[in-house]
C-alpha cells in the first residue's frame, strides 16, 4: 500500500538511551511487486554518547533487521550510521561512503 504521494508508509522512532542501547526503530510497510506486501522493522543502537559540544552530531548505528516479512524484502545492506545534524536533518551513511540526507516532510 502506498500513500497518495507515492511513498510507502514509514515510521521512525528515536528515543533516549545510553551508548549501546537500542534508540532507533524504523518500521516500513508497503506493497511488493507480485507479492502480498512487506513489513520490515530495523533497529539501531546509540553508537556513542555525543560530545556535548554545540552542534555535535548524534551517531546511531549500525542498524539491523529485527522483523522481516518476507525476509527477501528486508535484507540489510552494508552497516549504516545515522547522524542527526544540528539543523534537524537526518544523514544516513554507509560504510562504503555513500550517504543520503532526509528532511522532515
N, C-alpha and C. Protein backbone atom coordinates (compact mmCIF):
# COMPACT_ATOMS: atom_id res chain seq x y z
N UNK A 1 0.83 -1.18 0.00
CA UNK A 1 0.00 0.00 0.00
C UNK A 1 0.88 1.24 0.00
N UNK A 2 0.54 2.19 -0.85
CA UNK A 2 1.29 3.44 -0.91
C UNK A 2 0.38 4.60 -0.50
N UNK A 3 1.01 5.63 0.03
CA UNK A 3 0.24 6.82 0.38
C UNK A 3 -0.07 7.58 -0.90
N UNK A 4 -0.92 8.60 -0.81
CA UNK A 4 -1.30 9.35 -2.01
C UNK A 4 -0.13 10.06 -2.67
N UNK A 5 0.97 10.30 -1.92
CA UNK A 5 2.13 10.94 -2.54
C UNK A 5 3.10 9.92 -3.16
N UNK A 6 2.73 8.62 -3.13
CA UNK A 6 3.52 7.60 -3.79
C UNK A 6 4.54 6.90 -2.91
N UNK A 7 4.63 7.26 -1.65
CA UNK A 7 5.60 6.64 -0.75
C UNK A 7 4.94 5.58 0.11
N UNK A 8 5.68 4.52 0.41
CA UNK A 8 5.19 3.50 1.33
C UNK A 8 5.26 4.08 2.75
N UNK A 9 4.30 3.70 3.60
CA UNK A 9 4.29 4.21 4.97
C UNK A 9 5.56 3.81 5.73
N UNK A 10 6.13 4.77 6.43
CA UNK A 10 7.31 4.55 7.25
C UNK A 10 7.10 5.25 8.59
N UNK A 11 7.65 4.65 9.63
CA UNK A 11 7.56 5.26 10.95
C UNK A 11 8.94 5.18 11.58
N UNK A 12 9.47 6.32 11.99
CA UNK A 12 10.79 6.40 12.59
C UNK A 12 10.63 6.89 14.02
N UNK A 13 11.19 6.13 14.97
CA UNK A 13 11.16 6.50 16.38
C UNK A 13 12.59 6.54 16.88
N UNK A 14 12.98 7.67 17.48
CA UNK A 14 14.29 7.81 18.10
C UNK A 14 14.05 8.16 19.55
N UNK A 15 14.65 7.39 20.46
CA UNK A 15 14.44 7.65 21.89
C UNK A 15 15.78 7.80 22.60
N UNK A 16 15.73 8.28 23.82
CA UNK A 16 16.95 8.48 24.60
C UNK A 16 17.49 7.15 25.11
N UNK A 17 18.78 7.11 25.37
CA UNK A 17 19.39 5.92 25.92
C UNK A 17 20.87 6.13 26.12
N UNK A 18 21.53 5.11 26.64
CA UNK A 18 22.97 5.13 26.83
C UNK A 18 23.64 4.47 25.63
N UNK A 19 24.93 4.72 25.46
CA UNK A 19 25.69 4.09 24.37
C UNK A 19 25.48 2.59 24.42
N UNK A 20 25.11 2.01 23.29
CA UNK A 20 24.84 0.58 23.18
C UNK A 20 23.36 0.22 23.28
N UNK A 21 22.54 1.12 23.86
CA UNK A 21 21.09 0.87 23.94
C UNK A 21 20.45 1.03 22.56
N UNK A 22 19.40 0.25 22.28
CA UNK A 22 18.63 0.44 21.06
C UNK A 22 17.83 1.73 21.20
N UNK A 23 18.12 2.70 20.34
CA UNK A 23 17.47 4.00 20.43
C UNK A 23 16.68 4.36 19.18
N UNK A 24 16.83 3.57 18.12
CA UNK A 24 16.14 3.85 16.86
C UNK A 24 15.36 2.64 16.40
N UNK A 25 14.10 2.87 16.00
CA UNK A 25 13.27 1.82 15.39
C UNK A 25 12.64 2.43 14.14
N UNK A 26 12.88 1.80 13.00
CA UNK A 26 12.29 2.22 11.73
C UNK A 26 11.39 1.10 11.25
N UNK A 27 10.11 1.40 11.01
CA UNK A 27 9.15 0.43 10.52
C UNK A 27 8.72 0.85 9.12
N UNK A 28 8.75 -0.08 8.19
CA UNK A 28 8.35 0.20 6.81
C UNK A 28 7.38 -0.88 6.35
N UNK A 29 6.25 -0.45 5.79
CA UNK A 29 5.24 -1.36 5.24
C UNK A 29 4.92 -0.92 3.83
N UNK A 30 4.65 -1.87 2.96
CA UNK A 30 4.28 -1.49 1.61
C UNK A 30 3.99 -2.69 0.74
N UNK A 31 3.62 -2.40 -0.48
CA UNK A 31 3.32 -3.44 -1.47
C UNK A 31 4.61 -3.82 -2.17
N UNK A 32 4.79 -5.10 -2.37
CA UNK A 32 5.93 -5.60 -3.12
C UNK A 32 5.40 -6.14 -4.44
N UNK A 33 6.06 -5.84 -5.51
CA UNK A 33 5.62 -6.25 -6.83
C UNK A 33 5.42 -7.77 -6.89
N UNK A 34 4.20 -8.20 -7.21
CA UNK A 34 3.88 -9.60 -7.34
C UNK A 34 3.74 -10.34 -6.01
N UNK A 35 3.75 -9.60 -4.91
CA UNK A 35 3.66 -10.23 -3.59
C UNK A 35 2.55 -9.57 -2.79
N UNK A 36 2.23 -10.14 -1.65
CA UNK A 36 1.21 -9.59 -0.77
C UNK A 36 1.60 -8.24 -0.20
N UNK A 37 2.86 -8.05 0.05
CA UNK A 37 3.35 -6.84 0.69
C UNK A 37 4.51 -7.17 1.61
N UNK A 38 5.03 -6.16 2.25
CA UNK A 38 6.16 -6.40 3.14
C UNK A 38 5.99 -5.61 4.43
N UNK A 39 6.67 -6.08 5.46
CA UNK A 39 6.73 -5.39 6.74
C UNK A 39 8.16 -5.57 7.25
N UNK A 40 8.87 -4.48 7.43
CA UNK A 40 10.25 -4.53 7.89
C UNK A 40 10.41 -3.64 9.12
N UNK A 41 11.15 -4.13 10.09
CA UNK A 41 11.50 -3.33 11.27
C UNK A 41 13.01 -3.37 11.43
N UNK A 42 13.61 -2.19 11.46
CA UNK A 42 15.04 -2.06 11.65
C UNK A 42 15.29 -1.41 13.00
N UNK A 43 16.34 -1.83 13.69
CA UNK A 43 16.70 -1.21 14.96
C UNK A 43 18.18 -0.82 14.90
N UNK A 44 18.55 0.15 15.73
CA UNK A 44 19.95 0.57 15.79
C UNK A 44 20.26 1.10 17.19
N UNK A 45 21.48 0.83 17.65
CA UNK A 45 21.89 1.32 18.96
C UNK A 45 22.53 2.72 18.87
N UNK A 46 22.60 3.38 20.01
CA UNK A 46 23.36 4.63 20.10
C UNK A 46 24.83 4.23 20.02
N UNK A 47 25.55 4.75 19.02
CA UNK A 47 26.93 4.35 18.80
C UNK A 47 27.86 4.89 19.89
N UNK A 48 27.65 6.13 20.28
CA UNK A 48 28.49 6.74 21.31
C UNK A 48 27.75 7.94 21.87
N UNK A 49 28.08 8.28 23.07
CA UNK A 49 27.48 9.45 23.71
C UNK A 49 27.97 10.71 22.98
N UNK A 50 27.08 11.65 22.65
CA UNK A 50 27.51 12.90 21.99
C UNK A 50 28.52 13.64 22.87
N UNK A 51 29.40 14.39 22.23
CA UNK A 51 30.46 15.08 22.96
C UNK A 51 29.94 16.21 23.85
N UNK A 52 28.76 16.72 23.55
CA UNK A 52 28.22 17.82 24.33
C UNK A 52 28.58 19.18 23.76
N UNK A 53 29.50 19.23 22.82
CA UNK A 53 29.87 20.48 22.18
C UNK A 53 28.72 20.97 21.30
N UNK A 54 28.54 22.26 21.24
CA UNK A 54 27.47 22.83 20.41
C UNK A 54 27.60 22.33 18.98
N UNK A 55 26.50 21.81 18.44
CA UNK A 55 26.48 21.35 17.06
C UNK A 55 27.05 19.95 16.85
N UNK A 56 27.41 19.26 17.94
CA UNK A 56 27.96 17.91 17.75
C UNK A 56 26.83 16.96 17.35
N UNK A 57 27.07 16.11 16.34
CA UNK A 57 26.02 15.21 15.86
C UNK A 57 25.79 14.04 16.79
N UNK A 58 24.62 13.45 16.67
CA UNK A 58 24.24 12.24 17.40
C UNK A 58 24.45 11.08 16.44
N UNK A 59 25.27 10.11 16.79
CA UNK A 59 25.57 9.00 15.88
C UNK A 59 24.86 7.73 16.35
N UNK A 60 24.10 7.15 15.43
CA UNK A 60 23.31 5.96 15.71
C UNK A 60 23.66 4.90 14.68
N UNK A 61 23.88 3.67 15.11
CA UNK A 61 24.10 2.60 14.14
C UNK A 61 25.28 1.73 14.51
N UNK A 62 25.52 0.68 13.75
CA UNK A 62 24.81 0.29 12.54
C UNK A 62 23.45 -0.33 12.85
N UNK A 63 22.59 -0.33 11.84
CA UNK A 63 21.24 -0.86 12.01
C UNK A 63 21.19 -2.34 11.62
N UNK A 64 20.16 -3.02 12.11
CA UNK A 64 19.95 -4.42 11.75
C UNK A 64 18.46 -4.68 11.60
N UNK A 65 18.11 -5.77 10.91
CA UNK A 65 16.71 -6.12 10.71
C UNK A 65 16.21 -6.87 11.93
N UNK A 66 15.15 -6.37 12.57
CA UNK A 66 14.55 -7.02 13.73
C UNK A 66 13.44 -7.96 13.26
N UNK A 67 12.59 -7.50 12.33
CA UNK A 67 11.49 -8.28 11.77
C UNK A 67 11.49 -8.07 10.27
N UNK A 68 11.32 -9.13 9.49
CA UNK A 68 11.25 -9.01 8.05
C UNK A 68 10.29 -10.01 7.45
N UNK A 69 9.22 -9.50 6.81
CA UNK A 69 8.24 -10.37 6.14
C UNK A 69 7.95 -9.80 4.77
N UNK A 70 8.26 -10.47 3.69
CA UNK A 70 9.16 -11.61 3.62
C UNK A 70 10.60 -11.14 3.85
N UNK A 71 11.44 -12.07 4.25
CA UNK A 71 12.83 -11.72 4.57
C UNK A 71 13.54 -11.10 3.37
N UNK A 72 13.20 -11.53 2.16
CA UNK A 72 13.87 -11.02 0.97
C UNK A 72 13.62 -9.53 0.76
N UNK A 73 12.54 -8.98 1.33
CA UNK A 73 12.25 -7.55 1.20
C UNK A 73 12.99 -6.71 2.22
N UNK A 74 13.58 -7.35 3.22
CA UNK A 74 14.16 -6.62 4.34
C UNK A 74 15.62 -6.94 4.56
N UNK A 75 16.29 -7.41 3.55
CA UNK A 75 17.69 -7.76 3.69
C UNK A 75 18.50 -6.48 3.88
N UNK A 76 19.24 -6.40 4.98
CA UNK A 76 20.01 -5.19 5.19
C UNK A 76 21.19 -5.11 4.25
N UNK A 77 21.57 -3.91 3.90
CA UNK A 77 22.77 -3.71 3.10
C UNK A 77 23.95 -3.56 4.03
N UNK A 78 24.93 -2.79 3.63
CA UNK A 78 26.09 -2.53 4.46
C UNK A 78 25.64 -1.79 5.73
N UNK A 79 26.38 -1.94 6.82
CA UNK A 79 26.02 -1.20 8.03
C UNK A 79 25.95 0.30 7.73
N UNK A 80 25.03 0.96 8.39
CA UNK A 80 24.87 2.40 8.20
C UNK A 80 25.00 3.12 9.53
N UNK A 81 25.38 4.37 9.44
CA UNK A 81 25.43 5.24 10.60
C UNK A 81 24.48 6.39 10.34
N UNK A 82 23.58 6.64 11.27
CA UNK A 82 22.66 7.77 11.17
C UNK A 82 23.19 8.90 12.02
N UNK A 83 23.19 10.09 11.46
CA UNK A 83 23.65 11.27 12.19
C UNK A 83 22.55 12.32 12.15
N UNK A 84 22.10 12.75 13.31
CA UNK A 84 21.13 13.83 13.38
C UNK A 84 21.93 15.12 13.39
N UNK A 85 21.75 15.92 12.34
CA UNK A 85 22.51 17.15 12.17
C UNK A 85 21.91 18.27 13.04
N UNK A 86 22.69 19.29 13.35
CA UNK A 86 22.19 20.41 14.15
C UNK A 86 20.95 21.09 13.57
N UNK A 87 20.77 21.04 12.23
CA UNK A 87 19.60 21.67 11.61
C UNK A 87 18.37 20.76 11.62
N UNK A 88 18.49 19.56 12.23
CA UNK A 88 17.36 18.65 12.36
C UNK A 88 17.25 17.62 11.24
N UNK A 89 18.08 17.71 10.21
CA UNK A 89 18.06 16.70 9.15
C UNK A 89 18.72 15.43 9.66
N UNK A 90 18.42 14.32 9.00
CA UNK A 90 18.97 13.02 9.37
C UNK A 90 19.84 12.55 8.21
N UNK A 91 21.09 12.26 8.46
CA UNK A 91 22.01 11.81 7.42
C UNK A 91 22.31 10.34 7.65
N UNK A 92 22.15 9.54 6.58
CA UNK A 92 22.45 8.11 6.63
C UNK A 92 23.66 7.85 5.75
N UNK A 93 24.71 7.26 6.32
CA UNK A 93 25.94 6.99 5.57
C UNK A 93 26.27 5.50 5.67
N UNK A 94 26.69 4.91 4.53
CA UNK A 94 27.10 3.51 4.53
C UNK A 94 28.60 3.44 4.77
N UNK A 95 29.06 2.25 5.11
CA UNK A 95 30.49 2.04 5.33
C UNK A 95 31.28 2.32 4.05
N UNK A 96 30.62 2.19 2.88
CA UNK A 96 31.26 2.43 1.60
C UNK A 96 31.35 3.90 1.22
N UNK A 97 30.83 4.79 2.05
CA UNK A 97 30.95 6.22 1.79
C UNK A 97 29.74 6.87 1.14
N UNK A 98 28.71 6.11 0.77
CA UNK A 98 27.51 6.71 0.18
C UNK A 98 26.65 7.28 1.30
N UNK A 99 25.98 8.40 1.01
CA UNK A 99 25.13 8.98 2.05
C UNK A 99 23.88 9.62 1.45
N UNK A 100 22.85 9.70 2.27
CA UNK A 100 21.59 10.37 1.94
C UNK A 100 21.22 11.27 3.10
N UNK A 101 20.57 12.38 2.81
CA UNK A 101 20.10 13.27 3.86
C UNK A 101 18.59 13.35 3.76
N UNK A 102 17.92 13.14 4.89
CA UNK A 102 16.47 13.15 4.97
C UNK A 102 16.01 14.41 5.68
N UNK A 103 14.98 15.04 5.13
CA UNK A 103 14.38 16.21 5.75
C UNK A 103 12.97 15.87 6.15
N UNK A 104 12.50 16.50 7.20
CA UNK A 104 11.14 16.26 7.67
C UNK A 104 10.16 16.72 6.59
N UNK A 105 9.18 15.86 6.29
CA UNK A 105 8.26 16.13 5.20
C UNK A 105 7.05 16.80 5.56
